[in-house]
C-alpha atoms as a PDB file:
ATOM      1  CA  LEU A   1     100.361 104.807 115.846  1.00  0.00           C
ATOM      2  CA  ARG A   2     102.007 105.381 112.484  1.00  0.00           C
ATOM      3  CA  ASP A   3     100.991 102.730 109.944  1.00  0.00           C
ATOM      4  CA  VAL A   4      97.228 103.318 109.871  1.00  0.00           C
ATOM      5  CA  PRO A   5      97.518 107.107 109.472  1.00  0.00           C
ATOM      6  CA  PHE A   6     100.197 106.568 106.808  1.00  0.00           C
ATOM      7  CA  SER A   7      97.933 104.258 104.804  1.00  0.00           C
ATOM      8  CA  ALA A   8      94.918 106.511 105.325  1.00  0.00           C
ATOM      9  CA  LEU A   9      96.907 109.319 103.695  1.00  0.00           C
ATOM     10  CA  TYR A  10      98.899 107.300 101.153  1.00  0.00           C
ATOM     11  CA  TRP A  11      96.095 105.654  99.177  1.00  0.00           C
ATOM     12  CA  PRO A  12      93.944 108.738  98.512  1.00  0.00           C
ATOM     13  CA  LEU A  13      97.099 110.768  97.756  1.00  0.00           C
ATOM     14  CA  TYR A  14      98.257 108.094  95.329  1.00  0.00           C
ATOM     15  CA  GLU A  15      94.922 108.032  93.504  1.00  0.00           C
ATOM     16  CA  GLN A  16      94.704 111.833  93.403  1.00  0.00           C
ATOM     17  CA  THR A  17      98.264 112.228  92.137  1.00  0.00           C
ATOM     18  CA  LYS A  18      97.727 109.518  89.524  1.00  0.00           C
ATOM     19  CA  SER A  19      94.534 111.182  88.267  1.00  0.00           C
ATOM     20  CA  MET A  20      96.332 114.517  87.859  1.00  0.00           C
ATOM     21  CA  PHE A  21      98.462 113.030  85.053  1.00  0.00           C
ATOM     22  CA  GLY A  22      95.394 112.222  82.969  1.00  0.00           C
ATOM     23  CA  TYR A  23      96.776 108.930  81.639  1.00  0.00           C
ATOM     24  CA  GLU A  24      98.132 105.670  83.003  1.00  0.00           C
ATOM     25  CA  SER A  25     101.641 104.310  82.624  1.00  0.00           C
ATOM     26  CA  PHE A  26     104.351 102.638  84.660  1.00  0.00           C
ATOM     27  CA  ALA A  27     106.106 106.011  85.068  1.00  0.00           C
ATOM     28  CA  VAL A  28     102.899 107.678  86.296  1.00  0.00           C
ATOM     29  CA  ASP A  29     102.348 104.888  88.832  1.00  0.00           C
ATOM     30  CA  PHE A  30     105.989 105.132  89.942  1.00  0.00           C
ATOM     31  CA  ALA A  31     105.945 108.928  90.327  1.00  0.00           C
ATOM     32  CA  SER A  32     102.532 108.938  92.015  1.00  0.00           C
ATOM     33  CA  GLY A  33     103.705 106.337  94.517  1.00  0.00           C
ATOM     34  CA  ALA A  34     106.830 108.350  95.304  1.00  0.00           C
ATOM     35  CA  VAL A  35     104.885 111.595  95.756  1.00  0.00           C
ATOM     36  CA  ALA A  36     102.174 109.994  97.905  1.00  0.00           C
ATOM     37  CA  GLY A  37     104.761 108.162 100.003  1.00  0.00           C
ATOM     38  CA  SER A  38     106.774 111.345 100.538  1.00  0.00           C
ATOM     39  CA  ILE A  39     103.763 113.365 101.669  1.00  0.00           C
ATOM     40  CA  ALA A  40     102.325 110.606 103.870  1.00  0.00           C
ATOM     41  CA  SER A  41     105.686 109.935 105.507  1.00  0.00           C
ATOM     42  CA  THR A  42     106.235 113.639 106.184  1.00  0.00           C
ATOM     43  CA  VAL A  43     102.817 114.056 107.803  1.00  0.00           C
ATOM     44  CA  THR A  44     103.174 110.912 109.927  1.00  0.00           C
ATOM     45  CA  LEU A  45     106.819 111.457 110.922  1.00  0.00           C
ATOM     46  CA  PRO A  46     105.908 112.892 114.359  1.00  0.00           C
ATOM     47  CA  PHE A  47     104.213 109.568 115.152  1.00  0.00           C
ATOM     48  CA  ASP A  48     107.407 107.774 114.150  1.00  0.00           C
ATOM     49  CA  VAL A  49     109.502 110.067 116.352  1.00  0.00           C
ATOM     50  CA  ILE A  50     107.211 109.327 119.307  1.00  0.00           C
ATOM     51  CA  LYS A  51     107.373 105.574 118.624  1.00  0.00           C
ATOM     52  CA  THR A  52     111.163 105.594 118.337  1.00  0.00           C
ATOM     53  CA  THR A  53     111.548 107.639 121.521  1.00  0.00           C
ATOM     54  CA  LYS A  54     109.268 105.202 123.337  1.00  0.00           C
ATOM     55  CA  GLN A  55     111.247 102.209 122.048  1.00  0.00           C
ATOM     56  CA  ILE A  56     114.516 103.747 123.223  1.00  0.00           C
ATOM     57  CA  GLU A  57     113.071 104.431 126.660  1.00  0.00           C
ATOM     58  CA  ILE A  58     111.703 100.893 126.969  1.00  0.00           C
ATOM     59  CA  GLY A  59     115.067  99.480 125.902  1.00  0.00           C
ATOM     60  CA  GLU A  60     116.926 101.630 128.406  1.00  0.00           C
ATOM     61  CA  ARG A  61     114.510 100.677 131.180  1.00  0.00           C
ATOM     62  CA  ASP A  62     113.901  96.991 130.517  1.00  0.00           C
ATOM     63  CA  ILE A  63     117.008  95.759 128.723  1.00  0.00           C
ATOM     64  CA  MET A  64     119.828  97.990 129.873  1.00  0.00           C
ATOM     65  CA  ALA A  65     118.355  98.898 133.282  1.00  0.00           C
ATOM     66  CA  VAL A  66     119.613 102.470 132.817  1.00  0.00           C
ATOM     67  CA  HIS A  67     116.390 104.247 133.777  1.00  0.00           C
ATOM     68  CA  ARG A  68     113.905 102.970 136.307  1.00  0.00           C
ATOM     69  CA  GLY A  69     110.295 103.895 136.729  1.00  0.00           C
ATOM     70  CA  VAL A  70     107.337 104.363 134.452  1.00  0.00           C
ATOM     71  CA  ALA A  71     107.808 105.235 130.771  1.00  0.00           C
ATOM     72  CA  ARG A  72     106.519 108.619 129.641  1.00  0.00           C
ATOM     73  CA  THR A  73     103.174 108.828 127.891  1.00  0.00           C
ATOM     74  CA  ASN A  74     102.964 109.899 124.247  1.00  0.00           C
ATOM     75  CA  GLN A  75     101.695 113.292 125.349  1.00  0.00           C
ATOM     76  CA  GLN A  76     104.645 113.736 127.738  1.00  0.00           C
ATOM     77  CA  ILE A  77     107.067 112.787 124.966  1.00  0.00           C
ATOM     78  CA  VAL A  78     105.532 115.358 122.602  1.00  0.00           C
ATOM     79  CA  GLN A  79     105.609 118.063 125.268  1.00  0.00           C
ATOM     80  CA  ASP A  80     109.256 117.333 126.087  1.00  0.00           C
ATOM     81  CA  ILE A  81     110.288 117.328 122.418  1.00  0.00           C
ATOM     82  CA  LEU A  82     108.466 120.618 121.792  1.00  0.00           C
ATOM     83  CA  ARG A  83     110.020 122.205 124.881  1.00  0.00           C
ATOM     84  CA  GLU A  84     113.565 121.001 124.132  1.00  0.00           C
ATOM     85  CA  GLN A  85     113.696 121.136 120.304  1.00  0.00           C
ATOM     86  CA  GLY A  86     110.580 122.913 119.096  1.00  0.00           C
ATOM     87  CA  VAL A  87     108.367 121.639 116.280  1.00  0.00           C
ATOM     88  CA  LYS A  88     111.517 120.777 114.320  1.00  0.00           C
ATOM     89  CA  GLY A  89     112.166 117.986 116.820  1.00  0.00           C
ATOM     90  CA  LEU A  90     108.990 116.178 115.769  1.00  0.00           C
ATOM     91  CA  PHE A  91     110.408 115.991 112.241  1.00  0.00           C
ATOM     92  CA  SER A  92     113.837 114.611 113.159  1.00  0.00           C
ATOM     93  CA  GLY A  93     115.078 112.237 110.481  1.00  0.00           C
ATOM     94  CA  LEU A  94     112.808 113.553 107.722  1.00  0.00           C
ATOM     95  CA  THR A  95     115.383 113.319 104.935  1.00  0.00           C
ATOM     96  CA  PRO A  96     116.427 109.711 105.638  1.00  0.00           C
ATOM     97  CA  ARG A  97     112.784 108.695 105.983  1.00  0.00           C
ATOM     98  CA  ILE A  98     111.805 110.229 102.635  1.00  0.00           C
ATOM     99  CA  LEU A  99     114.913 108.717 101.000  1.00  0.00           C
ATOM    100  CA  LYS A 100     113.714 105.306 102.216  1.00  0.00           C
ATOM    101  CA  VAL A 101     109.932 105.603 101.843  1.00  0.00           C
ATOM    102  CA  ALA A 102     109.613 107.398  98.476  1.00  0.00           C
ATOM    103  CA  PRO A 103     111.467 104.764  96.422  1.00  0.00           C
ATOM    104  CA  ALA A 104     109.916 101.923  98.416  1.00  0.00           C
ATOM    105  CA  CYS A 105     106.389 103.212  97.742  1.00  0.00           C
ATOM    106  CA  ALA A 106     107.226 103.930  94.102  1.00  0.00           C
ATOM    107  CA  ILE A 107     108.572 100.420  93.527  1.00  0.00           C
ATOM    108  CA  MET A 108     105.773  98.728  95.463  1.00  0.00           C
ATOM    109  CA  ILE A 109     102.855 100.488  93.774  1.00  0.00           C
ATOM    110  CA  SER A 110     104.267 100.497  90.243  1.00  0.00           C
ATOM    111  CA  SER A 111     105.029  96.766  90.547  1.00  0.00           C
ATOM    112  CA  TYR A 112     101.556  96.115  91.909  1.00  0.00           C
ATOM    113  CA  GLU A 113      99.897  98.093  89.098  1.00  0.00           C
ATOM    114  CA  PHE A 114     102.096  96.453  86.449  1.00  0.00           C
ATOM    115  CA  PHE A 115     101.274  92.914  87.571  1.00  0.00           C
ATOM    116  CA  LYS A 116      97.607  93.739  88.124  1.00  0.00           C
ATOM    117  CA  LYS A 117      97.376  94.799  84.470  1.00  0.00           C
ATOM    118  CA  PHE A 118      99.521  91.864  83.339  1.00  0.00           C
ATOM    119  CA  PHE A 119      97.388  89.245  85.084  1.00  0.00           C
ATOM    120  CA  ARG A 120      94.133  90.931  84.051  1.00  0.00           C
ATOM    121  CA  THR A 121      95.280  90.665  80.426  1.00  0.00           C
ATOM    122  CA  GLN A 122      96.307  87.036  80.935  1.00  0.00           C
ATOM    123  CA  ASN A 123      92.930  86.189  82.458  1.00  0.00           C
ATOM    124  CA  LEU A 124      91.062  87.865  79.613  1.00  0.00           C
ATOM    125  CA  MET A 125      93.172  86.019  77.019  1.00  0.00           C
ATOM    126  CA  GLU A 126      92.502  82.694  78.760  1.00  0.00           C
ATOM    127  CA  ARG A 127      88.760  83.340  78.859  1.00  0.00           C
ATOM    128  CA  ASN A 128      88.706  84.168  75.149  1.00  0.00           C
ATOM    129  CA  GLU A 129      90.594  80.949  74.327  1.00  0.00           C
ATOM    130  CA  LEU A 130      88.053  78.745  76.116  1.00  0.00           C
END
C-alpha cells in the first residue's frame, strides 16, 4: 500500500533532482536523495496512516480482544479520518516521518552511488591490468 507508490515516486524524483544540479558529486547524490525521499514520503503518508490505523485495529481486535467484529476497510478508515480530523489527519506524523526518511534516503543513495563508482573504477583498472 505504501512501498510501491513510494518507490514509484522516489526514483524519478531522485533522477530529476540530480539532473537539476548539472554535475555529479557525493553531495549532489546526498541532497537529491533527501529531497526525493522527503517528497515521496509526504505524498505517500496517507497510505502509511491508513496502514498504521489498520494495524492498531487488528492488534486491538486479535491480540487485546478490545474490539470485536470486522475491521474497517481502507475506504472506511479514510472517510472516518476525513470526517473526524479533516485532510490534516491523513498527514499525521509528517515531521517525524520526514526526519526519518530524508536522512535514510540520502545516506542510502549517496552510499550506493559512491560504491557504484568505486567498483566501476576498480573493474576498469583490473581490465586494463590484464
